[in-house]
Each structure stands twice: as C-alpha cells, then as structure tokens.
Amino acid sequence: MNQTELEAATFRRLIKHLDDHKQVQNIDLMILANFCRNCLSKWYMAAAQEQGETLDYEKAREIIYGMPYSEWKEKYQSPATEEQRQAMAKKQ
C-alpha cells in the first residue's frame, strides 16, 4: 500500500469509529478536540474542491454521517447540556 491508500483506510476507520459511537456528540468533540463531524464534512468538501470536484456541504455531510444530516440529527443528536454550553463558551 502507498501512503494515500493508508491515509484513506485510516480516514474510513475514523468515520466508522465515529459512526459506531453516535453517543459522542459533536459538541463533545468540539470541546475536547476542537473538531467534529461537521468539520470533517467541510474538510472533505474542501479536498474535493481542491481536486476540481464539485461537492456541496450537505452531500459531504451525508458521506461523513452515513445518512442525511437532518436524519442523523433527529435520531442521534441530544440537546446540549448546560455543562457542555459552558465548556464551549470557555473555548471561544
């Protein structure tokens, strides 16, 4: 395998790991790691554009989330707790 194939495999594993742990909310990722699934979607979209591909944000999110974002949000996103909101406020 070359480096690109290894990086792609690693990325797919990260996406699967996040999918397997839907209980980890985006706000938790932002608080702890300063990125979330939406960030990955934006990076994916930007990478596509750098390669001359057209990919809109919603399609990029569907790739990262494994389903339309609106569906994922309805099924898995919990309201932010006061503790989470305070932690995010400290970061900003």
PDB file of N, CA and C in Angstrom:
ATOM      1  N   MET A   1       0.843  -1.195   0.000  1.00  0.00           N
ATOM      2  CA  MET A   1       0.000   0.000   0.000  1.00  0.00           C
ATOM      3  C   MET A   1       0.880   1.248   0.000  1.00  0.00           C
ATOM      4  N   ASN A   2       0.384   2.263  -0.681  1.00  0.00           N
ATOM      5  CA  ASN A   2       1.116   3.518  -0.647  1.00  0.00           C
ATOM      6  C   ASN A   2       0.512   4.433   0.422  1.00  0.00           C
ATOM      7  N   GLN A   3       1.132   5.553   0.649  1.00  0.00           N
ATOM      8  CA  GLN A   3       0.709   6.459   1.719  1.00  0.00           C
ATOM      9  C   GLN A   3      -0.742   6.908   1.542  1.00  0.00           C
ATOM     10  N   THR A   4      -1.139   7.241   0.326  1.00  0.00           N
ATOM     11  CA  THR A   4      -2.514   7.696   0.086  1.00  0.00           C
ATOM     12  C   THR A   4      -3.524   6.616   0.449  1.00  0.00           C
ATOM     13  N   GLU A   5      -3.231   5.376   0.083  1.00  0.00           N
ATOM     14  CA  GLU A   5      -4.140   4.274   0.422  1.00  0.00           C
ATOM     15  C   GLU A   5      -4.220   4.072   1.937  1.00  0.00           C
ATOM     16  N   LEU A   6      -3.083   4.199   2.614  1.00  0.00           N
ATOM     17  CA  LEU A   6      -3.075   4.070   4.077  1.00  0.00           C
ATOM     18  C   LEU A   6      -3.863   5.198   4.732  1.00  0.00           C
ATOM     19  N   GLU A   7      -3.670   6.413   4.230  1.00  0.00           N
ATOM     20  CA  GLU A   7      -4.416   7.547   4.774  1.00  0.00           C
ATOM     21  C   GLU A   7      -5.914   7.372   4.545  1.00  0.00           C
ATOM     22  N   ALA A   8      -6.286   6.905   3.350  1.00  0.00           N
ATOM     23  CA  ALA A   8      -7.704   6.681   3.050  1.00  0.00           C
ATOM     24  C   ALA A   8      -8.280   5.608   3.964  1.00  0.00           C
ATOM     25  N   ALA A   9      -7.549   4.545   4.195  1.00  0.00           N
ATOM     26  CA  ALA A   9      -8.021   3.474   5.081  1.00  0.00           C
ATOM     27  C   ALA A   9      -8.166   3.990   6.508  1.00  0.00           C
ATOM     28  N   THR A  10      -7.228   4.814   6.928  1.00  0.00           N
ATOM     29  CA  THR A  10      -7.290   5.396   8.272  1.00  0.00           C
ATOM     30  C   THR A  10      -8.500   6.314   8.394  1.00  0.00           C
ATOM     31  N   PHE A  11      -8.748   7.113   7.379  1.00  0.00           N
ATOM     32  CA  PHE A  11      -9.902   8.003   7.379  1.00  0.00           C
ATOM     33  C   PHE A  11     -11.198   7.203   7.455  1.00  0.00           C
ATOM     34  N   ARG A  12     -11.305   6.144   6.643  1.00  0.00           N
ATOM     35  CA  ARG A  12     -12.507   5.308   6.688  1.00  0.00           C
ATOM     36  C   ARG A  12     -12.693   4.698   8.074  1.00  0.00           C
ATOM     37  N   ARG A  13     -11.611   4.328   8.705  1.00  0.00           N
ATOM     38  CA  ARG A  13     -11.702   3.759  10.060  1.00  0.00           C
ATOM     39  C   ARG A  13     -12.177   4.818  11.054  1.00  0.00           C
ATOM     40  N   LEU A  14     -11.689   6.037  10.933  1.00  0.00           N
ATOM     41  CA  LEU A  14     -12.144   7.131  11.798  1.00  0.00           C
ATOM     42  C   LEU A  14     -13.640   7.362  11.614  1.00  0.00           C
ATOM     43  N   ILE A  15     -14.098   7.403  10.377  1.00  0.00           N
ATOM     44  CA  ILE A  15     -15.523   7.614  10.106  1.00  0.00           C
ATOM     45  C   ILE A  15     -16.346   6.484  10.702  1.00  0.00           C
ATOM     46  N   LYS A  16     -15.887   5.247  10.550  1.00  0.00           N
ATOM     47  CA  LYS A  16     -16.606   4.105  11.122  1.00  0.00           C
ATOM     48  C   LYS A  16     -16.605   4.183  12.644  1.00  0.00           C
ATOM     49  N   HIS A  17     -15.492   4.573  13.223  1.00  0.00           N
ATOM     50  CA  HIS A  17     -15.406   4.699  14.679  1.00  0.00           C
ATOM     51  C   HIS A  17     -16.419   5.725  15.179  1.00  0.00           C
ATOM     52  N   LEU A  18     -16.494   6.865  14.530  1.00  0.00           N
ATOM     53  CA  LEU A  18     -17.478   7.879  14.912  1.00  0.00           C
ATOM     54  C   LEU A  18     -18.896   7.356  14.718  1.00  0.00           C
ATOM     55  N   ASP A  19     -19.118   6.606  13.651  1.00  0.00           N
ATOM     56  CA  ASP A  19     -20.442   6.048  13.396  1.00  0.00           C
ATOM     57  C   ASP A  19     -20.814   5.019  14.462  1.00  0.00           C
ATOM     58  N   ASP A  20     -19.838   4.253  14.902  1.00  0.00           N
ATOM     59  CA  ASP A  20     -20.081   3.248  15.944  1.00  0.00           C
ATOM     60  C   ASP A  20     -20.297   3.865  17.321  1.00  0.00           C
ATOM     61  N   HIS A  21     -19.952   5.141  17.454  1.00  0.00           N
ATOM     62  CA  HIS A  21     -20.067   5.835  18.747  1.00  0.00           C
ATOM     63  C   HIS A  21     -20.907   7.098  18.595  1.00  0.00           C
ATOM     64  N   LYS A  22     -22.112   6.898  18.101  1.00  0.00           N
ATOM     65  CA  LYS A  22     -23.011   8.035  17.869  1.00  0.00           C
ATOM     66  C   LYS A  22     -23.347   8.782  19.153  1.00  0.00           C
ATOM     67  N   GLN A  23     -23.185   8.126  20.301  1.00  0.00           N
ATOM     68  CA  GLN A  23     -23.461   8.794  21.572  1.00  0.00           C
ATOM     69  C   GLN A  23     -22.483   9.944  21.831  1.00  0.00           C
ATOM     70  N   VAL A  24     -21.357   9.933  21.152  1.00  0.00           N
ATOM     71  CA  VAL A  24     -20.409  11.044  21.275  1.00  0.00           C
ATOM     72  C   VAL A  24     -20.940  12.180  20.421  1.00  0.00           C
ATOM     73  N   GLN A  25     -21.370  13.213  21.094  1.00  0.00           N
ATOM     74  CA  GLN A  25     -21.986  14.342  20.420  1.00  0.00           C
ATOM     75  C   GLN A  25     -20.928  15.252  19.796  1.00  0.00           C
ATOM     76  N   ASN A  26     -21.321  15.963  18.755  1.00  0.00           N
ATOM     77  CA  ASN A  26     -20.399  16.892  18.110  1.00  0.00           C
ATOM     78  C   ASN A  26     -19.864  17.919  19.098  1.00  0.00           C
ATOM     79  N   ILE A  27     -20.698  18.386  19.987  1.00  0.00           N
ATOM     80  CA  ILE A  27     -20.240  19.382  20.950  1.00  0.00           C
ATOM     81  C   ILE A  27     -19.144  18.799  21.846  1.00  0.00           C
ATOM     82  N   ASP A  28     -19.249  17.514  22.181  1.00  0.00           N
ATOM     83  CA  ASP A  28     -18.193  16.870  22.971  1.00  0.00           C
ATOM     84  C   ASP A  28     -16.884  16.842  22.193  1.00  0.00           C
ATOM     85  N   LEU A  29     -16.974  16.499  20.916  1.00  0.00           N
ATOM     86  CA  LEU A  29     -15.775  16.501  20.077  1.00  0.00           C
ATOM     87  C   LEU A  29     -15.174  17.902  19.993  1.00  0.00           C
ATOM     88  N   MET A  30     -16.019  18.908  19.826  1.00  0.00           N
ATOM     89  CA  MET A  30     -15.521  20.283  19.742  1.00  0.00           C
ATOM     90  C   MET A  30     -14.838  20.708  21.039  1.00  0.00           C
ATOM     91  N   ILE A  31     -15.429  20.337  22.154  1.00  0.00           N
ATOM     92  CA  ILE A  31     -14.862  20.717  23.445  1.00  0.00           C
ATOM     93  C   ILE A  31     -13.492  20.060  23.638  1.00  0.00           C
ATOM     94  N   LEU A  32     -13.412  18.780  23.323  1.00  0.00           N
ATOM     95  CA  LEU A  32     -12.188  18.023  23.593  1.00  0.00           C
ATOM     96  C   LEU A  32     -11.133  18.126  22.499  1.00  0.00           C
ATOM     97  N   ALA A  33     -11.558  18.157  21.250  1.00  0.00           N
ATOM     98  CA  ALA A  33     -10.592  18.050  20.160  1.00  0.00           C
ATOM     99  C   ALA A  33     -10.632  19.218  19.176  1.00  0.00           C
ATOM    100  N   ASN A  34     -11.567  20.130  19.377  1.00  0.00           N
ATOM    101  CA  ASN A  34     -11.707  21.304  18.522  1.00  0.00           C
ATOM    102  C   ASN A  34     -12.034  20.949  17.069  1.00  0.00           C
ATOM    103  N   PHE A  35     -12.696  19.816  16.861  1.00  0.00           N
ATOM    104  CA  PHE A  35     -13.252  19.466  15.564  1.00  0.00           C
ATOM    105  C   PHE A  35     -14.420  18.518  15.811  1.00  0.00           C
ATOM    106  N   CYS A  36     -15.283  18.396  14.807  1.00  0.00           N
ATOM    107  CA  CYS A  36     -16.433  17.493  14.927  1.00  0.00           C
ATOM    108  C   CYS A  36     -16.758  16.896  13.565  1.00  0.00           C
ATOM    109  N   ARG A  37     -17.834  16.179  13.485  1.00  0.00           N
ATOM    110  CA  ARG A  37     -18.247  15.570  12.220  1.00  0.00           C
ATOM    111  C   ARG A  37     -18.506  16.630  11.155  1.00  0.00           C
ATOM    112  N   ASN A  38     -19.048  17.774  11.564  1.00  0.00           N
ATOM    113  CA  ASN A  38     -19.285  18.846  10.594  1.00  0.00           C
ATOM    114  C   ASN A  38     -17.969  19.398  10.060  1.00  0.00           C
ATOM    115  N   CYS A  39     -16.964  19.486  10.907  1.00  0.00           N
ATOM    116  CA  CYS A  39     -15.638  19.918  10.453  1.00  0.00           C
ATOM    117  C   CYS A  39     -15.093  18.939   9.424  1.00  0.00           C
ATOM    118  N   LEU A  40     -15.214  17.646   9.714  1.00  0.00           N
ATOM    119  CA  LEU A  40     -14.767  16.634   8.755  1.00  0.00           C
ATOM    120  C   LEU A  40     -15.490  16.794   7.426  1.00  0.00           C
ATOM    121  N   SER A  41     -16.778  17.104   7.489  1.00  0.00           N
ATOM    122  CA  SER A  41     -17.555  17.316   6.264  1.00  0.00           C
ATOM    123  C   SER A  41     -17.000  18.493   5.473  1.00  0.00           C
ATOM    124  N   LYS A  42     -16.684  19.566   6.160  1.00  0.00           N
ATOM    125  CA  LYS A  42     -16.126  20.754   5.490  1.00  0.00           C
ATOM    126  C   LYS A  42     -14.758  20.446   4.892  1.00  0.00           C
ATOM    127  N   TRP A  43     -13.944  19.697   5.616  1.00  0.00           N
ATOM    128  CA  TRP A  43     -12.623  19.319   5.105  1.00  0.00           C
ATOM    129  C   TRP A  43     -12.758  18.413   3.891  1.00  0.00           C
ATOM    130  N   TYR A  44     -13.724  17.503   3.930  1.00  0.00           N
ATOM    131  CA  TYR A  44     -13.974  16.593   2.812  1.00  0.00           C
ATOM    132  C   TYR A  44     -14.390  17.404   1.585  1.00  0.00           C
ATOM    133  N   MET A  45     -15.301  18.344   1.785  1.00  0.00           N
ATOM    134  CA  MET A  45     -15.770  19.188   0.692  1.00  0.00           C
ATOM    135  C   MET A  45     -14.611  20.009   0.124  1.00  0.00           C
ATOM    136  N   ALA A  46     -13.784  20.569   0.982  1.00  0.00           N
ATOM    137  CA  ALA A  46     -12.643  21.365   0.534  1.00  0.00           C
ATOM    138  C   ALA A  46     -11.649  20.510  -0.259  1.00  0.00           C
ATOM    139  N   ALA A  47     -11.407  19.285   0.210  1.00  0.00           N
ATOM    140  CA  ALA A  47     -10.499  18.384  -0.505  1.00  0.00           C
ATOM    141  C   ALA A  47     -11.043  18.069  -1.892  1.00  0.00           C
ATOM    142  N   ALA A  48     -12.347  17.858  -1.981  1.00  0.00           N
ATOM    143  CA  ALA A  48     -12.965  17.595  -3.288  1.00  0.00           C
ATOM    144  C   ALA A  48     -12.760  18.794  -4.213  1.00  0.00           C
ATOM    145  N   GLN A  49     -12.990  19.982  -3.683  1.00  0.00           N
ATOM    146  CA  GLN A  49     -12.830  21.190  -4.493  1.00  0.00           C
ATOM    147  C   GLN A  49     -11.382  21.374  -4.938  1.00  0.00           C
ATOM    148  N   GLU A  50     -10.439  21.039  -4.058  1.00  0.00           N
ATOM    149  CA  GLU A  50      -9.023  21.142  -4.418  1.00  0.00           C
ATOM    150  C   GLU A  50      -8.672  20.199  -5.568  1.00  0.00           C
ATOM    151  N   GLN A  51      -9.429  19.117  -5.701  1.00  0.00           N
ATOM    152  CA  GLN A  51      -9.216  18.153  -6.778  1.00  0.00           C
ATOM    153  C   GLN A  51     -10.084  18.449  -8.002  1.00  0.00           C
ATOM    154  N   GLY A  52     -10.766  19.606  -7.976  1.00  0.00           N
ATOM    155  CA  GLY A  52     -11.582  20.011  -9.108  1.00  0.00           C
ATOM    156  C   GLY A  52     -12.958  19.367  -9.133  1.00  0.00           C
ATOM    157  N   GLU A  53     -13.367  18.758  -8.026  1.00  0.00           N
ATOM    158  CA  GLU A  53     -14.675  18.110  -7.937  1.00  0.00           C
ATOM    159  C   GLU A  53     -15.689  19.072  -7.322  1.00  0.00           C
ATOM    160  N   THR A  54     -16.919  18.928  -7.719  1.00  0.00           N
ATOM    161  CA  THR A  54     -17.996  19.716  -7.137  1.00  0.00           C
ATOM    162  C   THR A  54     -18.714  18.847  -6.113  1.00  0.00           C
ATOM    163  N   LEU A  55     -18.738  19.294  -4.884  1.00  0.00           N
ATOM    164  CA  LEU A  55     -19.400  18.565  -3.806  1.00  0.00           C
ATOM    165  C   LEU A  55     -19.966  19.592  -2.848  1.00  0.00           C
ATOM    166  N   ASP A  56     -21.279  19.578  -2.674  1.00  0.00           N
ATOM    167  CA  ASP A  56     -21.861  20.545  -1.746  1.00  0.00           C
ATOM    168  C   ASP A  56     -21.781  20.031  -0.307  1.00  0.00           C
ATOM    169  N   TYR A  57     -21.987  20.949   0.609  1.00  0.00           N
ATOM    170  CA  TYR A  57     -21.830  20.659   2.035  1.00  0.00           C
ATOM    171  C   TYR A  57     -22.772  19.560   2.510  1.00  0.00           C
ATOM    172  N   GLU A  58     -24.020  19.588   2.071  1.00  0.00           N
ATOM    173  CA  GLU A  58     -24.980  18.574   2.515  1.00  0.00           C
ATOM    174  C   GLU A  58     -24.578  17.178   2.043  1.00  0.00           C
ATOM    175  N   LYS A  59     -24.079  17.069   0.829  1.00  0.00           N
ATOM    176  CA  LYS A  59     -23.610  15.767   0.326  1.00  0.00           C
ATOM    177  C   LYS A  59     -22.370  15.324   1.102  1.00  0.00           C
ATOM    178  N   ALA A  60     -21.484  16.248   1.403  1.00  0.00           N
ATOM    179  CA  ALA A  60     -20.301  15.911   2.201  1.00  0.00           C
ATOM    180  C   ALA A  60     -20.728  15.426   3.583  1.00  0.00           C
ATOM    181  N   ARG A  61     -21.716  16.082   4.186  1.00  0.00           N
ATOM    182  CA  ARG A  61     -22.195  15.637   5.499  1.00  0.00           C
ATOM    183  C   ARG A  61     -22.826  14.252   5.407  1.00  0.00           C
ATOM    184  N   GLU A  62     -23.542  13.986   4.336  1.00  0.00           N
ATOM    185  CA  GLU A  62     -24.140  12.664   4.179  1.00  0.00           C
ATOM    186  C   GLU A  62     -23.058  11.583   4.092  1.00  0.00           C
ATOM    187  N   ILE A  63     -21.948  11.900   3.453  1.00  0.00           N
ATOM    188  CA  ILE A  63     -20.828  10.953   3.371  1.00  0.00           C
ATOM    189  C   ILE A  63     -20.247  10.713   4.763  1.00  0.00           C
ATOM    190  N   ILE A  64     -20.042  11.758   5.533  1.00  0.00           N
ATOM    191  CA  ILE A  64     -19.441  11.636   6.865  1.00  0.00           C
ATOM    192  C   ILE A  64     -20.409  10.987   7.850  1.00  0.00           C
ATOM    193  N   TYR A  65     -21.662  11.395   7.836  1.00  0.00           N
ATOM    194  CA  TYR A  65     -22.649  10.888   8.790  1.00  0.00           C
ATOM    195  C   TYR A  65     -23.241   9.541   8.383  1.00  0.00           C
ATOM    196  N   GLY A  66     -23.091   9.165   7.105  1.00  0.00           N
ATOM    197  CA  GLY A  66     -23.659   7.909   6.636  1.00  0.00           C
ATOM    198  C   GLY A  66     -25.147   7.983   6.363  1.00  0.00           C
ATOM    199  N   MET A  67     -25.687   9.167   6.389  1.00  0.00           N
ATOM    200  CA  MET A  67     -27.106   9.418   6.133  1.00  0.00           C
ATOM    201  C   MET A  67     -27.277  10.933   6.044  1.00  0.00           C
ATOM    202  N   PRO A  68     -28.417  11.401   5.548  1.00  0.00           N
ATOM    203  CA  PRO A  68     -28.624  12.851   5.545  1.00  0.00           C
ATOM    204  C   PRO A  68     -28.475  13.412   6.970  1.00  0.00           C
ATOM    205  N   TYR A  69     -27.843  14.568   7.074  1.00  0.00           N
ATOM    206  CA  TYR A  69     -27.591  15.163   8.387  1.00  0.00           C
ATOM    207  C   TYR A  69     -28.881  15.368   9.168  1.00  0.00           C
ATOM    208  N   SER A  70     -29.931  15.793   8.481  1.00  0.00           N
ATOM    209  CA  SER A  70     -31.198  16.037   9.186  1.00  0.00           C
ATOM    210  C   SER A  70     -31.704  14.759   9.854  1.00  0.00           C
ATOM    211  N   GLU A  71     -31.516  13.631   9.187  1.00  0.00           N
ATOM    212  CA  GLU A  71     -31.928  12.348   9.757  1.00  0.00           C
ATOM    213  C   GLU A  71     -31.054  11.975  10.959  1.00  0.00           C
ATOM    214  N   TRP A  72     -29.737  12.148  10.808  1.00  0.00           N
ATOM    215  CA  TRP A  72     -28.810  11.838  11.904  1.00  0.00           C
ATOM    216  C   TRP A  72     -29.137  12.709  13.121  1.00  0.00           C
ATOM    217  N   LYS A  73     -29.347  13.988  12.859  1.00  0.00           N
ATOM    218  CA  LYS A  73     -29.635  14.927  13.938  1.00  0.00           C
ATOM    219  C   LYS A  73     -30.905  14.519  14.687  1.00  0.00           C
ATOM    220  N   GLU A  74     -31.932  14.144  13.956  1.00  0.00           N
ATOM    221  CA  GLU A  74     -33.196  13.737  14.575  1.00  0.00           C
ATOM    222  C   GLU A  74     -33.029  12.465  15.406  1.00  0.00           C
ATOM    223  N   LYS A  75     -32.256  11.519  14.896  1.00  0.00           N
ATOM    224  CA  LYS A  75     -32.094  10.226  15.568  1.00  0.00           C
ATOM    225  C   LYS A  75     -31.092  10.249  16.727  1.00  0.00           C
ATOM    226  N   TYR A  76     -30.007  11.009  16.576  1.00  0.00           N
ATOM    227  CA  TYR A  76     -28.878  10.838  17.500  1.00  0.00           C
ATOM    228  C   TYR A  76     -28.431  12.087  18.256  1.00  0.00           C
ATOM    229  N   GLN A  77     -28.776  13.261  17.802  1.00  0.00           N
ATOM    230  CA  GLN A  77     -28.274  14.458  18.479  1.00  0.00           C
ATOM    231  C   GLN A  77     -29.122  14.813  19.677  1.00  0.00           C
ATOM    232  N   SER A  78     -28.469  14.958  20.800  1.00  0.00           N
ATOM    233  CA  SER A  78     -29.144  15.356  22.035  1.00  0.00           C
ATOM    234  C   SER A  78     -28.993  16.858  22.230  1.00  0.00           C
ATOM    235  N   PRO A  79     -29.934  17.476  22.930  1.00  0.00           N
ATOM    236  CA  PRO A  79     -29.748  18.891  23.249  1.00  0.00           C
ATOM    237  C   PRO A  79     -28.488  19.068  24.101  1.00  0.00           C
ATOM    238  N   ALA A  80     -27.792  20.144  23.875  1.00  0.00           N
ATOM    239  CA  ALA A  80     -26.589  20.423  24.659  1.00  0.00           C
ATOM    240  C   ALA A  80     -26.973  20.674  26.110  1.00  0.00           C
ATOM    241  N   THR A  81     -26.174  20.113  26.988  1.00  0.00           N
ATOM    242  CA  THR A  81     -26.400  20.348  28.417  1.00  0.00           C
ATOM    243  C   THR A  81     -25.824  21.707  28.794  1.00  0.00           C
ATOM    244  N   GLU A  82     -26.201  22.183  29.953  1.00  0.00           N
ATOM    245  CA  GLU A  82     -25.639  23.443  30.441  1.00  0.00           C
ATOM    246  C   GLU A  82     -24.128  23.319  30.603  1.00  0.00           C
ATOM    247  N   GLU A  83     -23.675  22.186  31.075  1.00  0.00           N
ATOM    248  CA  GLU A  83     -22.229  21.948  31.241  1.00  0.00           C
ATOM    249  C   GLU A  83     -21.512  22.015  29.883  1.00  0.00           C
ATOM    250  N   GLN A  84     -22.095  21.416  28.864  1.00  0.00           N
ATOM    251  CA  GLN A  84     -21.500  21.456  27.525  1.00  0.00           C
ATOM    252  C   GLN A  84     -21.465  22.891  26.999  1.00  0.00           C
ATOM    253  N   ARG A  85     -22.544  23.613  27.181  1.00  0.00           N
ATOM    254  CA  ARG A  85     -22.596  25.007  26.715  1.00  0.00           C
ATOM    255  C   ARG A  85     -21.531  25.849  27.413  1.00  0.00           C
ATOM    256  N   GLN A  86     -21.362  25.640  28.707  1.00  0.00           N
ATOM    257  CA  GLN A  86     -20.344  26.388  29.451  1.00  0.00           C
ATOM    258  C   GLN A  86     -18.938  26.025  28.970  1.00  0.00           C
ATOM    259  N   ALA A  87     -18.702  24.755  28.728  1.00  0.00           N
ATOM    260  CA  ALA A  87     -17.389  24.313  28.248  1.00  0.00           C
ATOM    261  C   ALA A  87     -17.084  24.921  26.869  1.00  0.00           C
ATOM    262  N   MET A  88     -18.085  24.974  26.010  1.00  0.00           N
ATOM    263  CA  MET A  88     -17.883  25.596  24.692  1.00  0.00           C
ATOM    264  C   MET A  88     -17.638  27.082  24.826  1.00  0.00           C
ATOM    265  N   ALA A  89     -18.344  27.722  25.712  1.00  0.00           N
ATOM    266  CA  ALA A  89     -18.164  29.165  25.919  1.00  0.00           C
ATOM    267  C   ALA A  89     -16.744  29.467  26.384  1.00  0.00           C
ATOM    268  N   LYS A  90     -16.184  28.606  27.222  1.00  0.00           N
ATOM    269  CA  LYS A  90     -14.801  28.806  27.682  1.00  0.00           C
ATOM    270  C   LYS A  90     -13.801  28.714  26.537  1.00  0.00           C
ATOM    271  N   LYS A  91     -14.093  27.888  25.545  1.00  0.00           N
ATOM    272  CA  LYS A  91     -13.186  27.706  24.417  1.00  0.00           C
ATOM    273  C   LYS A  91     -13.195  28.902  23.466  1.00  0.00           C
ATOM    274  N   GLN A  92     -14.288  29.629  23.465  1.00  0.00           N
ATOM    275  CA  GLN A  92     -14.424  30.719  22.481  1.00  0.00           C
ATOM    276  C   GLN A  92     -13.903  32.029  22.978  1.00  0.00           C
TER     277      GLN A  92
END
